[in-house]
Amino acid sequence: MRILTFLAGAATGYVLGTRSGRGSYDKMMAKAQQLWDDPRTQQRIDAMEDSLRAKSPAVGEVVESAVSTVSRKLHEPQATSLS
């Protein structure tokens, strides 16, 4: 994910910093579309989606447990010290 953020930032900087304008932007967008349409890219995306689907129940359990713990702690009476 970090690499995608970096590439998006680099591409934006390139477009904003270049003097060739729309032509460079169009070339960059064509290259990005070509990369997106590449079967290898789509295979990686599919694999990542499958991995996320497989892990989502476990993540849900962790989140549910954390919410339950926080809720319980918020509703516990607090001990006060008067000394």
Protein backbone atom coordinates (compact mmCIF):
# COMPACT_ATOMS: atom_id res chain seq x y z
CA MET A 1 0.00 0.00 0.00
CA ARG A 2 2.88 2.36 0.76
CA ILE A 3 4.31 1.87 -2.69
CA LEU A 4 0.97 2.78 -4.31
CA THR A 5 0.75 5.94 -2.20
CA PHE A 6 4.31 6.84 -3.15
CA LEU A 7 3.66 6.22 -6.84
CA ALA A 8 0.47 8.30 -6.75
CA GLY A 9 2.35 11.15 -5.06
CA ALA A 10 5.24 10.92 -7.50
CA ALA A 11 2.88 10.91 -10.46
CA THR A 12 0.98 13.92 -9.10
CA GLY A 13 4.22 15.78 -8.49
CA TYR A 14 5.39 14.97 -11.98
CA VAL A 15 2.19 16.22 -13.57
CA LEU A 16 2.13 19.40 -11.51
CA GLY A 17 5.85 20.02 -11.99
CA THR A 18 6.13 19.39 -15.70
CA ARG A 19 5.92 22.07 -18.32
CA SER A 20 4.71 19.78 -21.05
CA GLY A 21 1.20 19.83 -19.64
CA ARG A 22 -1.62 17.70 -20.92
CA GLY A 23 0.53 15.50 -23.17
CA SER A 24 2.56 14.21 -20.22
CA TYR A 25 -0.60 13.68 -18.20
CA ASP A 26 -2.18 11.70 -21.03
CA LYS A 27 0.94 9.52 -21.39
CA MET A 28 1.02 8.88 -17.66
CA MET A 29 -2.66 7.97 -17.57
CA ALA A 30 -2.25 5.64 -20.55
CA LYS A 31 0.65 3.92 -18.79
CA ALA A 32 -1.38 3.64 -15.57
CA GLN A 33 -4.31 2.14 -17.49
CA GLN A 34 -1.97 -0.29 -19.22
CA LEU A 35 -0.57 -1.34 -15.84
CA TRP A 36 -4.08 -1.73 -14.39
CA ASP A 37 -5.21 -3.84 -17.35
CA ASP A 38 -2.16 -6.12 -17.14
CA PRO A 39 -3.27 -9.67 -16.23
CA ARG A 40 -0.47 -9.93 -13.66
CA THR A 41 -1.80 -6.85 -11.87
CA GLN A 42 -5.31 -8.26 -11.86
CA GLN A 43 -4.04 -11.59 -10.52
CA ARG A 44 -2.34 -9.78 -7.62
CA ILE A 45 -5.49 -7.79 -6.91
CA ASP A 46 -7.60 -10.96 -6.94
CA ALA A 47 -5.15 -12.70 -4.60
CA MET A 48 -5.23 -9.75 -2.22
CA GLU A 49 -9.05 -9.70 -2.25
CA ASP A 50 -9.15 -13.43 -1.52
CA SER A 51 -6.71 -12.99 1.34
CA LEU A 52 -8.77 -10.17 2.83
CA ARG A 53 -11.96 -12.20 2.54
CA ALA A 54 -10.30 -15.14 4.28
CA LYS A 55 -9.02 -12.96 7.13
CA SER A 56 -12.11 -10.80 7.59
CA PRO A 57 -13.87 -13.14 10.08
CA ALA A 58 -10.79 -13.13 12.35
CA VAL A 59 -10.52 -9.36 12.12
CA GLY A 60 -14.21 -9.07 12.96
CA GLU A 61 -13.70 -11.19 16.07
CA VAL A 62 -10.79 -9.05 17.24
CA VAL A 63 -12.77 -5.85 16.70
CA GLU A 64 -15.80 -7.27 18.46
CA SER A 65 -13.67 -8.31 21.42
CA ALA A 66 -12.02 -4.88 21.61
CA VAL A 67 -15.37 -3.09 21.47
CA SER A 68 -16.72 -5.36 24.20
CA THR A 69 -13.70 -4.66 26.41
CA VAL A 70 -13.95 -0.90 25.93
CA SER A 71 -17.69 -0.95 26.56
CA ARG A 72 -17.25 -2.99 29.73
CA LYS A 73 -14.56 -0.62 31.02
CA LEU A 74 -16.68 2.42 30.28
CA HIS A 75 -19.60 1.00 32.24
CA GLU A 76 -17.59 -0.22 35.27
CA PRO A 77 -17.96 1.98 38.34
CA GLN A 78 -14.79 3.96 38.97
CA ALA A 79 -13.12 3.70 42.37
CA THR A 80 -12.62 7.16 43.80
CA SER A 81 -10.05 8.11 46.34
CA LEU A 82 -10.99 10.82 48.83
CA SER A 83 -7.62 11.04 50.55
